[in-house]
């Protein structure tokens, strides 16, 4: 039987926010009722906490003068600005600067001409990067964003293209791991000072997926780069994530004939069975598994009875599903080789990731695992003809990725320097993420809490939010539109700690945005539905019997959870209360040491080899 883990969540006091996310800054005042008290009614006249209004600063230099800006001291010899020109979009004009820092770190900075309020935000990328992402995540309806008040910057992390073959160049591994994001921050700040004649007053980082990894890397390695960091669904466990996790998912759904076992048309069967088993664990039947770690869901219940062929699965498909949920274990020792698998309720989002829409579709898991295993995670790359079939899911092979794990990882729990610098960190994750198990993020939060305060309260600088029913970075059957940027700004600039985030769902299935919008994860297709392509056994692949509900939901800092009060409309956030969540025990696995302080590496590429030592 598939047995899920049990969550553990903190009780915090509530500084209530307005129920609706119609505008940035709609946070309720600094009143603090006791835990389990009700949220204020929608439309109440509670006073609001918004970030302070900062004066608009206009440029002192011309945009084209930035073409001659010298980047050598930041990026090294050969670094240069390649273009600097004014661009107008929707009536707003910005100076858009593009450049390259040696050897190949591409970056872009967008500097508002008439609306800059002295704030800078750098944006992360996704997958293996290789492109510049200027899309802002976790800031739905934010006025400061919509009014073009931020200088924005992003980088391709040192290479072009979304494949992993850049890893053949050892310096590009380092640039992707940590150098690219840091020198982009330095270059952006220098350009801001040159253009406006003064530095940014506040600096923020905002990223999801690999952008979430980059966010944590910044807090861990470069604690003075940013005042506030938002890290979504962080791919912090990079080497394991892109080999043992995605490699296992791809292998487990491949039959002896080389074809996929589970297809898109099978996902509603699994999803509906999981929801039927575990929907009401949180006391509310709403079509969302809000407590997936508590869910004892056995896919065996979907087995077709004699004569049945609809809304059921064959034993081969059930066995494949069990492998996907459970993850790889060493066949001799039974030791888990990943930190958690996809949670019950995530099944619809498996499509395109490790379950194809049609038999010929290349799945994401194969693509990213193949690129990482061949080019990035080993000290010595496998031969060119190496395939996923050759990859061994054993502790011995796990030990082979240990030497370079600290190059890419964002799992160092020692962020005391970031705390001492006054930095604020919000980490968030969708509970039904198919790419990165939220167990990773909970494990990191607990490790950082232990190192930073001996397990005591860390809410003065770090919070974790877990969103029920949300997929990877966006989309899902649960509420997944929300604004974390406004509360982060209020926290950094006014010292007002966020205590609840109101998430919403518009009730439609096909319009959910993806974050980061870079083509890496869903290849441009809606994030939370399989689509309408046929599967090899002839059944249509559309989702059936799935209710996408228009609603709002309060999400409290981990380890608190929202619970329906039992009164009023459950579609409205005001009818939920804050309560303590169920406990999650430690999850033993082969990579526990990766979450220890001192596990990161600083590396140089010389004489055709990587030379690494422990990072400070």
Foldseek 3Di string as FASTA:
>chain_A
DDAFFFAFWDFDWAQAFAQDPQAFQRGFDRDTDHFFDFHDDHPDPGDTFFFDQADWFAWPDDQQVCQPPDLCVLQNPPWGWDDWDWDADPRWIWTKTWIAGPPGKTKIKTGTHTAARLEEEEEEDAQLFQDWFQDAFQAPRYPCVVSVHYIYMTISQGHHDRFQQVLLPVVSLLSSQASSVVSRLVVNQVVVCNTRVDGRPFYEYGYFHCSLLNQLSCLVFPLPSGQEYEREPYCQQVLCLLAQQLLQLQVLQADPVRWGNAALQLLLLQQVQQCVQAVCPLPDNDSFRQGQSRGDGQLVVQDDDPPDDPSGHHPSSSSSVSCQQPGFAAPPPRFHADQGHFTRNLRLLCDLARHDNAGPDDHLSQRRNQRCQQRNQAQDGDDPPDGSVPDDRHLVVSVRRQVCSQSRGSQALPSQVSVVSNHAYEYEYECRERSHHCSSVVVSVQLNCCNNPVRDDPQQHYFYWYFIQAYRSKAGLGFGRWHPPRQSSCCSNPVSGHFKTKGWFQFDHFPMDHPPPDCNHNNPGGSRWNDFDAYPVGDTSTNPPRTRDTAMAIIGTTPKGWHACPDDDPRTHSRITIDTGIHGDDDGHSPPCCNYHQSHWDWDADPNGIDIDTRD
